[in-house]
Amino acid sequence: MAFPDPSKPIATCVAADCTDCPVRARINCHFQPGDLARFLAISLPGLLFGGAAVLGAGAWHLVLWIALMAGFFGLVEIRVMCAHCPHYAEKDRTLGCWANHGAPKIWNYRPGPMSAAEKGIFFSGLVVIWGYPLPLLITSAEWFMLVLYLVINAGFFVGLRLFFCARCMNFACPLNAVDGHTRDLFFQRHPSVARHWAPPRRPATRASAK
């Protein structure tokens, strides 16, 4: 469960070292414990508050929610989204990233974009996990807790986009917010990743064939 050595390029990078890297300040290639701590700081409040709300509806509701989260974040999300990340090419048998630290790499590395089916599974999982407490809060008429739950998690997703997705090297993730120019600079140092993102060739028209 080690984090990448910040003094060495990651596995997909062809540079000899990270000196003068054009994307070092724009892409977070070397996740560190501080990144994990910051992610937990913005993600756990909503989940803990949601867990308390779910527990109020019955212990078995909480057990089921925890099981769904473990299955999605520990297995399904790793397969459909995380396996596309360049970090997944590292030799470690577990992920050392800021979001799924310690998750086992039981799937093969799959560089390139996510398929439409993978995106559908990914978003469906997010809806199930974060939407699970909503019907319980609505049926129990816990309106204040419902609003608070929505506000807390809205803040989480805003913070995620601003401080993590804007510097994440997993361009396959639908939430990724890295700009196109930065991606191109990243691809220059990661040709094994870039070739899976090449635009498809268009068949020659009659005019161009002449």
Protein backbone atom coordinates (compact mmCIF):
# COMPACT_ATOMS: atom_id res chain seq x y z
CA MET A 1 0.00 0.00 0.00
CA ALA A 2 2.96 2.30 -0.59
CA PHE A 3 2.64 5.65 -2.31
CA PRO A 4 4.70 6.41 -5.45
CA ASP A 5 8.25 7.61 -4.86
CA PRO A 6 8.09 11.37 -5.67
CA SER A 7 11.71 11.32 -6.82
CA LYS A 8 11.07 8.79 -9.60
CA PRO A 9 8.84 8.96 -12.70
CA ILE A 10 5.83 6.65 -12.62
CA ALA A 11 5.85 3.42 -14.64
CA THR A 12 4.27 4.85 -17.81
CA CYS A 13 6.60 7.87 -18.00
CA VAL A 14 9.57 7.72 -20.40
CA ALA A 15 11.49 10.58 -18.74
CA ALA A 16 14.66 9.73 -16.83
CA ASP A 17 13.61 11.93 -13.91
CA CYS A 18 10.97 14.47 -12.93
CA THR A 19 13.23 17.50 -13.32
CA ASP A 20 11.68 20.22 -15.47
CA CYS A 21 8.53 18.14 -16.01
CA PRO A 22 6.02 20.42 -17.82
CA VAL A 23 3.03 18.96 -15.97
CA ARG A 24 4.50 18.48 -12.51
CA ALA A 25 2.49 21.39 -11.11
CA ARG A 26 -0.64 20.48 -13.10
CA ILE A 27 -0.94 16.69 -12.76
CA ASN A 28 -0.57 14.80 -9.50
CA CYS A 29 1.50 11.79 -10.59
CA HIS A 30 2.80 10.97 -7.12
CA PHE A 31 -0.02 10.54 -4.64
CA GLN A 32 1.10 11.09 -1.04
CA PRO A 33 -0.45 10.47 2.41
CA GLY A 34 -1.46 14.13 2.56
CA ASP A 35 -3.59 13.66 -0.57
CA LEU A 36 -5.35 10.72 1.06
CA ALA A 37 -5.90 12.72 4.26
CA ARG A 38 -7.43 15.64 2.34
CA PHE A 39 -9.70 13.31 0.37
CA LEU A 40 -10.93 11.63 3.54
CA ALA A 41 -11.49 15.04 5.12
CA ILE A 42 -13.99 16.03 2.43
CA SER A 43 -15.55 12.60 1.75
CA LEU A 44 -16.04 11.09 5.21
CA PRO A 45 -18.37 13.75 6.71
CA GLY A 46 -21.10 13.02 4.17
CA LEU A 47 -20.72 9.26 4.50
CA LEU A 48 -20.65 9.37 8.31
CA PHE A 49 -23.69 11.63 8.41
CA GLY A 50 -25.45 9.37 5.92
CA GLY A 51 -24.50 6.34 7.99
CA ALA A 52 -26.05 7.86 11.09
CA ALA A 53 -29.22 8.61 9.15
CA VAL A 54 -29.36 5.07 7.75
CA LEU A 55 -28.75 3.55 11.19
CA GLY A 56 -31.80 5.42 12.45
CA ALA A 57 -33.89 3.36 10.02
CA GLY A 58 -32.45 0.07 11.25
CA ALA A 59 -29.10 -1.65 11.69
CA TRP A 60 -29.65 -3.96 8.71
CA HIS A 61 -30.02 -0.91 6.45
CA LEU A 62 -26.55 0.23 7.54
CA VAL A 63 -25.06 -3.23 7.04
CA LEU A 64 -26.47 -3.38 3.52
CA TRP A 65 -25.15 0.12 2.69
CA ILE A 66 -21.67 -0.73 3.94
CA ALA A 67 -21.72 -3.94 1.89
CA LEU A 68 -22.74 -1.99 -1.22
CA MET A 69 -19.94 0.54 -0.67
CA ALA A 70 -17.35 -2.20 -0.14
CA GLY A 71 -18.44 -4.01 -3.27
CA PHE A 72 -18.55 -0.90 -5.44
CA PHE A 73 -15.45 0.97 -4.27
CA GLY A 74 -13.37 -2.15 -3.65
CA LEU A 75 -14.26 -4.17 -6.76
CA VAL A 76 -16.59 -2.65 -9.35
CA GLU A 77 -15.17 0.89 -9.47
CA ILE A 78 -11.64 -0.52 -9.65
CA ARG A 79 -12.57 -2.53 -12.73
CA VAL A 80 -14.58 0.03 -14.68
CA MET A 81 -12.65 3.21 -13.80
CA CYS A 82 -9.45 2.80 -11.80
CA ALA A 83 -8.00 0.13 -14.12
CA HIS A 84 -7.79 2.80 -16.85
CA CYS A 85 -5.52 5.04 -14.75
CA PRO A 86 -1.77 5.19 -15.51
CA HIS A 87 -1.18 4.69 -11.78
CA TYR A 88 -2.66 1.21 -12.17
CA ALA A 89 0.44 0.29 -14.20
CA GLU A 90 2.62 0.54 -11.10
CA LYS A 91 4.12 -2.75 -9.88
CA ASP A 92 2.43 -2.62 -6.47
CA ARG A 93 -0.36 -5.14 -5.98
CA THR A 94 -2.56 -2.55 -4.31
CA LEU A 95 -3.52 0.99 -5.22
CA GLY A 96 -1.64 3.80 -3.50
CA CYS A 97 -3.85 6.64 -4.69
CA TRP A 98 -5.86 9.26 -2.84
CA ALA A 99 -9.29 7.73 -3.44
CA ASN A 100 -8.99 3.94 -3.28
CA HIS A 101 -5.81 3.50 -1.26
CA GLY A 102 -5.13 -0.14 -0.45
CA ALA A 103 -7.63 -1.63 -2.91
CA PRO A 104 -6.24 -4.82 -4.51
CA LYS A 105 -5.36 -4.82 -8.21
CA ILE A 106 -7.26 -7.94 -9.22
CA TRP A 107 -8.08 -6.62 -12.70
CA ASN A 108 -5.78 -6.05 -15.67
CA TYR A 109 -4.53 -2.57 -16.55
CA ARG A 110 -6.79 -1.13 -19.26
CA PRO A 111 -5.28 2.12 -20.66
CA GLY A 112 -7.51 4.38 -22.71
CA PRO A 113 -11.07 5.72 -22.35
CA MET A 114 -13.87 3.99 -20.50
CA SER A 115 -16.55 2.35 -22.61
CA ALA A 116 -20.15 3.56 -22.54
CA ALA A 117 -21.08 0.51 -20.46
CA GLU A 118 -18.32 1.22 -17.95
CA LYS A 119 -19.46 4.82 -17.60
CA GLY A 120 -23.03 3.63 -17.08
CA ILE A 121 -21.93 1.22 -14.34
CA PHE A 122 -19.76 3.90 -12.73
CA PHE A 123 -22.52 6.52 -12.54
CA SER A 124 -25.10 3.92 -11.48
CA GLY A 125 -22.84 2.94 -8.61
CA LEU A 126 -22.46 6.54 -7.49
CA VAL A 127 -26.24 7.04 -7.60
CA VAL A 128 -26.84 3.89 -5.54
CA ILE A 129 -24.22 4.71 -2.90
CA TRP A 130 -25.03 8.38 -2.38
CA GLY A 131 -28.73 7.95 -3.06
CA TYR A 132 -29.22 5.09 -0.60
CA PRO A 133 -30.00 7.28 2.46
CA LEU A 134 -32.43 9.52 0.55
CA PRO A 135 -35.57 7.33 0.53
CA LEU A 136 -34.96 6.43 4.17
CA LEU A 137 -34.78 10.09 5.15
CA ILE A 138 -37.83 10.95 3.04
CA THR A 139 -40.04 8.13 4.36
CA SER A 140 -39.11 9.03 7.94
CA ALA A 141 -39.81 12.74 7.21
CA GLU A 142 -36.36 13.77 8.44
CA TRP A 143 -36.37 16.92 6.31
CA PHE A 144 -33.63 18.80 8.13
CA MET A 145 -31.29 15.80 7.99
CA LEU A 146 -32.17 15.32 4.31
CA VAL A 147 -31.22 18.90 3.42
CA LEU A 148 -28.05 18.69 5.51
CA TYR A 149 -27.07 15.42 3.84
CA LEU A 150 -27.55 16.94 0.39
CA VAL A 151 -25.57 20.09 1.27
CA ILE A 152 -22.66 18.17 2.80
CA ASN A 153 -22.32 15.87 -0.18
CA ALA A 154 -22.76 18.69 -2.69
CA GLY A 155 -19.78 20.31 -0.98
CA PHE A 156 -17.86 17.06 -1.29
CA PHE A 157 -18.39 16.77 -5.04
CA VAL A 158 -17.52 20.44 -5.60
CA GLY A 159 -14.32 20.02 -3.59
CA LEU A 160 -13.54 16.80 -5.44
CA ARG A 161 -13.77 18.50 -8.82
CA LEU A 162 -11.82 21.58 -7.80
CA PHE A 163 -8.96 20.04 -5.83
CA PHE A 164 -8.62 16.47 -7.08
CA CYS A 165 -10.25 15.93 -10.48
CA ALA A 166 -8.54 19.04 -11.86
CA ARG A 167 -5.12 17.41 -11.27
CA CYS A 168 -5.91 13.72 -11.77
CA MET A 169 -4.05 11.69 -14.40
CA ASN A 170 -6.95 9.28 -14.91
CA PHE A 171 -8.37 11.03 -17.97
CA ALA A 172 -10.78 8.12 -18.48
CA CYS A 173 -12.81 9.10 -15.42
CA PRO A 174 -15.95 11.04 -16.43
CA LEU A 175 -15.30 13.43 -13.54
CA ASN A 176 -11.79 14.32 -14.72
CA ALA A 177 -11.34 18.09 -15.13
CA VAL A 178 -7.80 18.37 -16.57
CA ASP A 179 -7.68 20.73 -19.55
CA GLY A 180 -6.76 19.54 -23.04
CA HIS A 181 -3.38 21.32 -23.22
CA THR A 182 -2.22 19.71 -19.98
CA ARG A 183 -3.34 16.32 -21.24
CA ASP A 184 -1.27 16.77 -24.40
CA LEU A 185 1.81 17.64 -22.33
CA PHE A 186 1.21 14.56 -20.19
CA PHE A 187 0.86 12.35 -23.27
CA GLN A 188 4.24 13.53 -24.55
CA ARG A 189 5.92 11.87 -21.58
CA HIS A 190 3.57 8.89 -21.54
CA PRO A 191 3.43 7.57 -25.14
CA SER A 192 2.19 4.14 -24.01
CA VAL A 193 -0.87 5.91 -22.61
CA ALA A 194 -1.19 8.38 -25.48
CA ARG A 195 -1.55 5.74 -28.17
CA HIS A 196 -4.74 4.49 -26.53
CA TRP A 197 -6.19 7.98 -26.78
CA ALA A 198 -5.40 8.59 -30.45
CA PRO A 199 -8.47 9.77 -32.41
CA PRO A 200 -9.88 7.13 -34.77
CA ARG A 201 -8.86 7.42 -38.39
CA ARG A 202 -11.58 8.56 -40.73
CA PRO A 203 -12.00 6.71 -44.02
CA ALA A 204 -10.76 8.67 -47.01
CA THR A 205 -13.45 10.37 -49.07
CA ARG A 206 -13.54 10.23 -52.87
CA ALA A 207 -12.30 13.81 -53.07
CA SER A 208 -9.30 13.17 -50.83
CA ALA A 209 -8.56 9.89 -52.61
CA LYS A 210 -8.12 11.84 -55.85
